[in-house]
PDB file of N, CA and C in Angstrom:
ATOM      1  N   UNK A   1      83.168-116.815-141.311  1.00  0.00           N
ATOM      2  CA  UNK A   1      81.761-116.447-141.367  1.00  0.00           C
ATOM      3  C   UNK A   1      80.912-117.712-141.430  1.00  0.00           C
ATOM      4  N   UNK A   2      79.876-117.765-140.652  1.00  0.00           N
ATOM      5  CA  UNK A   2      78.985-118.916-140.647  1.00  0.00           C
ATOM      6  C   UNK A   2      78.092-118.926-141.887  1.00  0.00           C
ATOM      7  N   UNK A   3      77.883-120.107-142.448  1.00  0.00           N
ATOM      8  CA  UNK A   3      76.936-120.233-143.555  1.00  0.00           C
ATOM      9  C   UNK A   3      75.554-120.633-143.047  1.00  0.00           C
ATOM     10  N   UNK A   4      75.442-120.782-141.751  1.00  0.00           N
ATOM     11  CA  UNK A   4      74.157-121.114-141.133  1.00  0.00           C
ATOM     12  C   UNK A   4      73.379-119.822-140.863  1.00  0.00           C
ATOM     13  N   UNK A   5      72.138-119.963-140.447  1.00  0.00           N
ATOM     14  CA  UNK A   5      71.271-118.821-140.193  1.00  0.00           C
ATOM     15  C   UNK A   5      70.592-119.037-138.846  1.00  0.00           C
ATOM     16  N   UNK A   6      71.162-118.478-137.777  1.00  0.00           N
ATOM     17  CA  UNK A   6      70.693-118.753-136.425  1.00  0.00           C
ATOM     18  C   UNK A   6      69.698-117.721-135.915  1.00  0.00           C
ATOM     19  N   UNK A   7      68.732-118.220-135.142  1.00  0.00           N
ATOM     20  CA  UNK A   7      67.750-117.392-134.437  1.00  0.00           C
ATOM     21  C   UNK A   7      67.675-117.851-132.991  1.00  0.00           C
ATOM     22  N   UNK A   8      67.504-116.906-132.070  1.00  0.00           N
ATOM     23  CA  UNK A   8      67.172-117.266-130.685  1.00  0.00           C
ATOM     24  C   UNK A   8      65.673-117.497-130.676  1.00  0.00           C
ATOM     25  N   UNK A   9      65.252-118.738-130.411  1.00  0.00           N
ATOM     26  CA  UNK A   9      63.832-119.079-130.466  1.00  0.00           C
ATOM     27  C   UNK A   9      63.189-119.172-129.092  1.00  0.00           C
ATOM     28  N   UNK A  10      63.974-119.454-128.068  1.00  0.00           N
ATOM     29  CA  UNK A  10      63.455-119.486-126.699  1.00  0.00           C
ATOM     30  C   UNK A  10      64.561-119.080-125.753  1.00  0.00           C
ATOM     31  N   UNK A  11      64.181-118.542-124.618  1.00  0.00           N
ATOM     32  CA  UNK A  11      65.138-118.312-123.544  1.00  0.00           C
ATOM     33  C   UNK A  11      64.398-118.345-122.222  1.00  0.00           C
ATOM     34  N   UNK A  12      65.109-118.655-121.182  1.00  0.00           N
ATOM     35  CA  UNK A  12      64.550-118.640-119.836  1.00  0.00           C
ATOM     36  C   UNK A  12      65.540-117.896-118.956  1.00  0.00           C
ATOM     37  N   UNK A  13      65.166-116.708-118.520  1.00  0.00           N
ATOM     38  CA  UNK A  13      66.076-115.839-117.782  1.00  0.00           C
ATOM     39  C   UNK A  13      65.979-116.017-116.267  1.00  0.00           C
ATOM     40  N   UNK A  14      65.023-116.767-115.809  1.00  0.00           N
ATOM     41  CA  UNK A  14      64.894-117.015-114.373  1.00  0.00           C
ATOM     42  C   UNK A  14      64.372-118.429-114.180  1.00  0.00           C
ATOM     43  N   UNK A  15      65.260-119.389-114.327  1.00  0.00           N
ATOM     44  CA  UNK A  15      64.905-120.805-114.269  1.00  0.00           C
ATOM     45  C   UNK A  15      64.816-121.246-112.810  1.00  0.00           C
ATOM     46  N   UNK A  16      63.621-121.481-112.347  1.00  0.00           N
ATOM     47  CA  UNK A  16      63.442-121.845-110.933  1.00  0.00           C
ATOM     48  C   UNK A  16      62.880-123.255-110.760  1.00  0.00           C
ATOM     49  N   UNK A  17      63.190-124.137-111.673  1.00  0.00           N
ATOM     50  CA  UNK A  17      62.725-125.503-111.499  1.00  0.00           C
ATOM     51  C   UNK A  17      62.552-126.256-112.796  1.00  0.00           C
ATOM     52  N   UNK A  18      63.005-125.702-113.878  1.00  0.00           N
ATOM     53  CA  UNK A  18      62.863-126.359-115.175  1.00  0.00           C
ATOM     54  C   UNK A  18      64.063-127.234-115.500  1.00  0.00           C
ATOM     55  N   UNK A  19      64.655-126.996-116.650  1.00  0.00           N
ATOM     56  CA  UNK A  19      65.786-127.762-117.147  1.00  0.00           C
ATOM     57  C   UNK A  19      66.970-127.665-116.188  1.00  0.00           C
ATOM     58  N   UNK A  20      67.558-128.817-115.857  1.00  0.00           N
ATOM     59  CA  UNK A  20      68.677-128.863-114.920  1.00  0.00           C
ATOM     60  C   UNK A  20      69.984-129.147-115.649  1.00  0.00           C
ATOM     61  N   UNK A  21      71.098-128.646-115.082  1.00  0.00           N
ATOM     62  CA  UNK A  21      72.416-128.968-115.609  1.00  0.00           C
ATOM     63  C   UNK A  21      72.907-130.266-114.970  1.00  0.00           C
ATOM     64  N   UNK A  22      74.139-130.645-115.244  1.00  0.00           N
ATOM     65  CA  UNK A  22      74.697-131.896-114.736  1.00  0.00           C
ATOM     66  C   UNK A  22      74.849-131.952-113.230  1.00  0.00           C
ATOM     67  N   UNK A  23      74.807-130.801-112.566  1.00  0.00           N
ATOM     68  CA  UNK A  23      74.925-130.755-111.109  1.00  0.00           C
ATOM     69  C   UNK A  23      73.568-130.637-110.415  1.00  0.00           C
ATOM     70  N   UNK A  24      72.496-130.656-111.191  1.00  0.00           N
ATOM     71  CA  UNK A  24      71.157-130.527-110.622  1.00  0.00           C
ATOM     72  C   UNK A  24      70.704-129.096-110.413  1.00  0.00           C
ATOM     73  N   UNK A  25      71.539-128.124-110.819  1.00  0.00           N
ATOM     74  CA  UNK A  25      71.160-126.715-110.718  1.00  0.00           C
ATOM     75  C   UNK A  25      70.247-126.349-111.885  1.00  0.00           C
ATOM     76  N   UNK A  26      69.545-125.233-111.771  1.00  0.00           N
ATOM     77  CA  UNK A  26      68.624-124.789-112.819  1.00  0.00           C
ATOM     78  C   UNK A  26      69.058-123.405-113.335  1.00  0.00           C
ATOM     79  N   UNK A  27      70.108-123.361-114.166  1.00  0.00           N
ATOM     80  CA  UNK A  27      70.591-122.075-114.678  1.00  0.00           C
ATOM     81  C   UNK A  27      69.698-121.537-115.795  1.00  0.00           C
ATOM     82  N   UNK A  28      69.913-120.270-116.127  1.00  0.00           N
ATOM     83  CA  UNK A  28      69.252-119.675-117.291  1.00  0.00           C
ATOM     84  C   UNK A  28      69.677-120.453-118.535  1.00  0.00           C
ATOM     85  N   UNK A  29      68.844-120.408-119.597  1.00  0.00           N
ATOM     86  CA  UNK A  29      69.205-121.124-120.820  1.00  0.00           C
ATOM     87  C   UNK A  29      68.605-120.432-122.033  1.00  0.00           C
ATOM     88  N   UNK A  30      69.173-120.753-123.201  1.00  0.00           N
ATOM     89  CA  UNK A  30      68.629-120.268-124.472  1.00  0.00           C
ATOM     90  C   UNK A  30      68.504-121.444-125.432  1.00  0.00           C
ATOM     91  N   UNK A  31      67.643-121.271-126.437  1.00  0.00           N
ATOM     92  CA  UNK A  31      67.540-122.238-127.525  1.00  0.00           C
ATOM     93  C   UNK A  31      67.800-121.495-128.825  1.00  0.00           C
ATOM     94  N   UNK A  32      68.725-122.016-129.626  1.00  0.00           N
ATOM     95  CA  UNK A  32      69.019-121.459-130.941  1.00  0.00           C
ATOM     96  C   UNK A  32      68.447-122.371-132.006  1.00  0.00           C
ATOM     97  N   UNK A  33      67.941-121.781-133.084  1.00  0.00           N
ATOM     98  CA  UNK A  33      67.442-122.542-134.221  1.00  0.00           C
ATOM     99  C   UNK A  33      68.265-122.156-135.442  1.00  0.00           C
ATOM    100  N   UNK A  34      68.776-123.151-136.145  1.00  0.00           N
ATOM    101  CA  UNK A  34      69.528-122.924-137.370  1.00  0.00           C
ATOM    102  C   UNK A  34      68.580-123.104-138.547  1.00  0.00           C
ATOM    103  N   UNK A  35      68.200-122.004-139.183  1.00  0.00           N
ATOM    104  CA  UNK A  35      67.298-122.055-140.333  1.00  0.00           C
ATOM    105  C   UNK A  35      68.060-122.252-141.638  1.00  0.00           C
ATOM    106  N   UNK A  36      69.374-122.334-141.553  1.00  0.00           N
ATOM    107  CA  UNK A  36      70.188-122.528-142.745  1.00  0.00           C
ATOM    108  C   UNK A  36      70.191-123.978-143.200  1.00  0.00           C
ATOM    109  N   UNK A  37      70.742-124.195-144.364  1.00  0.00           N
ATOM    110  CA  UNK A  37      70.776-125.533-144.965  1.00  0.00           C
ATOM    111  C   UNK A  37      71.954-126.369-144.473  1.00  0.00           C
ATOM    112  N   UNK A  38      72.932-125.758-143.819  1.00  0.00           N
ATOM    113  CA  UNK A  38      74.108-126.499-143.381  1.00  0.00           C
ATOM    114  C   UNK A  38      74.278-126.405-141.869  1.00  0.00           C
ATOM    115  N   UNK A  39      74.965-127.387-141.298  1.00  0.00           N
ATOM    116  CA  UNK A  39      75.268-127.358-139.876  1.00  0.00           C
ATOM    117  C   UNK A  39      76.409-126.385-139.632  1.00  0.00           C
ATOM    118  N   UNK A  40      76.582-125.986-138.395  1.00  0.00           N
ATOM    119  CA  UNK A  40      77.656-125.058-138.050  1.00  0.00           C
ATOM    120  C   UNK A  40      78.155-125.363-136.650  1.00  0.00           C
ATOM    121  N   UNK A  41      79.437-125.262-136.465  1.00  0.00           N
ATOM    122  CA  UNK A  41      80.071-125.405-135.158  1.00  0.00           C
ATOM    123  C   UNK A  41      80.197-124.010-134.561  1.00  0.00           C
ATOM    124  N   UNK A  42      79.573-123.775-133.415  1.00  0.00           N
ATOM    125  CA  UNK A  42      79.586-122.454-132.793  1.00  0.00           C
ATOM    126  C   UNK A  42      80.765-122.234-131.851  1.00  0.00           C
ATOM    127  N   UNK A  43      81.691-123.204-131.774  1.00  0.00           N
ATOM    128  CA  UNK A  43      82.856-122.981-130.919  1.00  0.00           C
ATOM    129  C   UNK A  43      83.602-121.747-131.412  1.00  0.00           C
ATOM    130  N   UNK A  44      84.046-120.937-130.491  1.00  0.00           N
ATOM    131  CA  UNK A  44      84.675-119.671-130.834  1.00  0.00           C
ATOM    132  C   UNK A  44      83.712-118.496-130.783  1.00  0.00           C
ATOM    133  N   UNK A  45      82.420-118.784-130.631  1.00  0.00           N
ATOM    134  CA  UNK A  45      81.408-117.735-130.478  1.00  0.00           C
ATOM    135  C   UNK A  45      80.974-117.676-129.016  1.00  0.00           C
ATOM    136  N   UNK A  46      80.485-116.505-128.605  1.00  0.00           N
ATOM    137  CA  UNK A  46      80.180-116.276-127.193  1.00  0.00           C
ATOM    138  C   UNK A  46      78.884-115.501-127.015  1.00  0.00           C
ATOM    139  N   UNK A  47      78.322-115.618-125.814  1.00  0.00           N
ATOM    140  CA  UNK A  47      77.208-114.784-125.357  1.00  0.00           C
ATOM    141  C   UNK A  47      77.676-114.039-124.114  1.00  0.00           C
ATOM    142  N   UNK A  48      77.110-112.871-123.898  1.00  0.00           N
ATOM    143  CA  UNK A  48      77.464-112.108-122.702  1.00  0.00           C
ATOM    144  C   UNK A  48      76.355-111.132-122.349  1.00  0.00           C
ATOM    145  N   UNK A  49      76.351-110.706-121.117  1.00  0.00           N
ATOM    146  CA  UNK A  49      75.498-109.609-120.680  1.00  0.00           C
ATOM    147  C   UNK A  49      76.363-108.539-120.008  1.00  0.00           C
ATOM    148  N   UNK A  50      77.662-108.573-120.311  1.00  0.00           N
ATOM    149  CA  UNK A  50      78.626-107.697-119.660  1.00  0.00           C
ATOM    150  C   UNK A  50      79.608-107.165-120.709  1.00  0.00           C
ATOM    151  N   UNK A  51      79.533-105.881-121.015  1.00  0.00           N
ATOM    152  CA  UNK A  51      80.424-105.290-122.024  1.00  0.00           C
ATOM    153  C   UNK A  51      81.895-105.425-121.666  1.00  0.00           C
ATOM    154  N   UNK A  52      82.197-105.587-120.391  1.00  0.00           N
ATOM    155  CA  UNK A  52      83.584-105.744-119.954  1.00  0.00           C
ATOM    156  C   UNK A  52      84.077-107.186-120.103  1.00  0.00           C
ATOM    157  N   UNK A  53      83.181-108.117-120.380  1.00  0.00           N
ATOM    158  CA  UNK A  53      83.548-109.535-120.520  1.00  0.00           C
ATOM    159  C   UNK A  53      82.832-110.105-121.744  1.00  0.00           C
ATOM    160  N   UNK A  54      83.384-109.866-122.919  1.00  0.00           N
ATOM    161  CA  UNK A  54      82.737-110.272-124.170  1.00  0.00           C
ATOM    162  C   UNK A  54      82.815-111.769-124.426  1.00  0.00           C
ATOM    163  N   UNK A  55      83.586-112.494-123.644  1.00  0.00           N
ATOM    164  CA  UNK A  55      83.677-113.954-123.792  1.00  0.00           C
ATOM    165  C   UNK A  55      83.129-114.655-122.548  1.00  0.00           C
ATOM    166  N   UNK A  56      82.140-114.057-121.926  1.00  0.00           N
ATOM    167  CA  UNK A  56      81.604-114.561-120.659  1.00  0.00           C
ATOM    168  C   UNK A  56      81.111-116.002-120.747  1.00  0.00           C
ATOM    169  N   UNK A  57      80.424-116.343-121.817  1.00  0.00           N
ATOM    170  CA  UNK A  57      79.928-117.718-121.969  1.00  0.00           C
ATOM    171  C   UNK A  57      80.252-118.192-123.378  1.00  0.00           C
ATOM    172  N   UNK A  58      81.060-119.229-123.475  1.00  0.00           N
ATOM    173  CA  UNK A  58      81.468-119.766-124.774  1.00  0.00           C
ATOM    174  C   UNK A  58      80.573-120.932-125.165  1.00  0.00           C
ATOM    175  N   UNK A  59      80.202-120.972-126.442  1.00  0.00           N
ATOM    176  CA  UNK A  59      79.474-122.139-126.941  1.00  0.00           C
ATOM    177  C   UNK A  59      80.404-123.337-126.964  1.00  0.00           C
ATOM    178  N   UNK A  60      79.904-124.502-126.584  1.00  0.00           N
ATOM    179  CA  UNK A  60      80.740-125.709-126.654  1.00  0.00           C
ATOM    180  C   UNK A  60      80.965-126.121-128.102  1.00  0.00           C
ATOM    181  N   UNK A  61      82.034-126.871-128.350  1.00  0.00           N
ATOM    182  CA  UNK A  61      82.328-127.368-129.703  1.00  0.00           C
ATOM    183  C   UNK A  61      81.270-128.375-130.120  1.00  0.00           C
ATOM    184  N   UNK A  62      81.052-128.454-131.417  1.00  0.00           N
ATOM    185  CA  UNK A  62      80.123-129.439-131.954  1.00  0.00           C
ATOM    186  C   UNK A  62      78.963-128.802-132.679  1.00  0.00           C
ATOM    187  N   UNK A  63      78.285-129.612-133.465  1.00  0.00           N
ATOM    188  CA  UNK A  63      77.163-129.104-134.243  1.00  0.00           C
ATOM    189  C   UNK A  63      75.865-129.828-133.921  1.00  0.00           C
ATOM    190  N   UNK A  64      75.847-130.546-132.804  1.00  0.00           N
ATOM    191  CA  UNK A  64      74.655-131.305-132.433  1.00  0.00           C
ATOM    192  C   UNK A  64      73.656-130.484-131.651  1.00  0.00           C
ATOM    193  N   UNK A  65      72.517-131.083-131.385  1.00  0.00           N
ATOM    194  CA  UNK A  65      71.451-130.446-130.617  1.00  0.00           C
ATOM    195  C   UNK A  65      71.710-130.680-129.141  1.00  0.00           C
ATOM    196  N   UNK A  66      71.788-129.628-128.376  1.00  0.00           N
ATOM    197  CA  UNK A  66      71.992-129.727-126.934  1.00  0.00           C
ATOM    198  C   UNK A  66      71.510-128.446-126.278  1.00  0.00           C
ATOM    199  N   UNK A  67      71.096-128.519-125.035  1.00  0.00           N
ATOM    200  CA  UNK A  67      70.695-127.291-124.348  1.00  0.00           C
ATOM    201  C   UNK A  67      71.899-126.394-124.109  1.00  0.00           C
ATOM    202  N   UNK A  68      71.719-125.095-124.192  1.00  0.00           N
ATOM    203  CA  UNK A  68      72.759-124.120-123.879  1.00  0.00           C
ATOM    204  C   UNK A  68      72.435-123.548-122.510  1.00  0.00           C
ATOM    205  N   UNK A  69      73.044-124.120-121.495  1.00  0.00           N
ATOM    206  CA  UNK A  69      72.791-123.694-120.128  1.00  0.00           C
ATOM    207  C   UNK A  69      73.817-122.663-119.725  1.00  0.00           C
ATOM    208  N   UNK A  70      73.364-121.558-119.203  1.00  0.00           N
ATOM    209  CA  UNK A  70      74.262-120.493-118.766  1.00  0.00           C
ATOM    210  C   UNK A  70      74.499-120.667-117.272  1.00  0.00           C
ATOM    211  N   UNK A  71      75.273-121.701-116.924  1.00  0.00           N
ATOM    212  CA  UNK A  71      75.486-122.007-115.524  1.00  0.00           C
ATOM    213  C   UNK A  71      76.776-121.404-114.970  1.00  0.00           C
ATOM    214  N   UNK A  72      77.503-120.646-115.786  1.00  0.00           N
ATOM    215  CA  UNK A  72      78.709-119.984-115.306  1.00  0.00           C
ATOM    216  C   UNK A  72      79.908-120.892-115.189  1.00  0.00           C
ATOM    217  N   UNK A  73      79.770-122.143-115.578  1.00  0.00           N
ATOM    218  CA  UNK A  73      80.875-123.098-115.429  1.00  0.00           C
ATOM    219  C   UNK A  73      81.705-123.255-116.689  1.00  0.00           C
ATOM    220  N   UNK A  74      81.310-122.584-117.779  1.00  0.00           N
ATOM    221  CA  UNK A  74      82.055-122.579-119.039  1.00  0.00           C
ATOM    222  C   UNK A  74      82.345-123.984-119.549  1.00  0.00           C
ATOM    223  N   UNK A  75      81.322-124.816-119.574  1.00  0.00           N
ATOM    224  CA  UNK A  75      81.489-126.164-120.114  1.00  0.00           C
ATOM    225  C   UNK A  75      80.447-126.467-121.135  1.00  0.00           C
TER     226      UNK A  75
END
């Protein structure tokens, strides 16, 4: 169980020219805010929009600040 307290604070569901991934593509993205007092590693947690694929997008390991790009490449 996480001791952090996460909120989705921003998302972009149709990125047509904003934040780019490492390949120059502009995938959808979300921003999470941890309102808790401690850091948390989200590896092992997932996001999905498909009930048949509950592990569609895995959070990368680490507790640092980074964009969460949903580019389908699972990195």
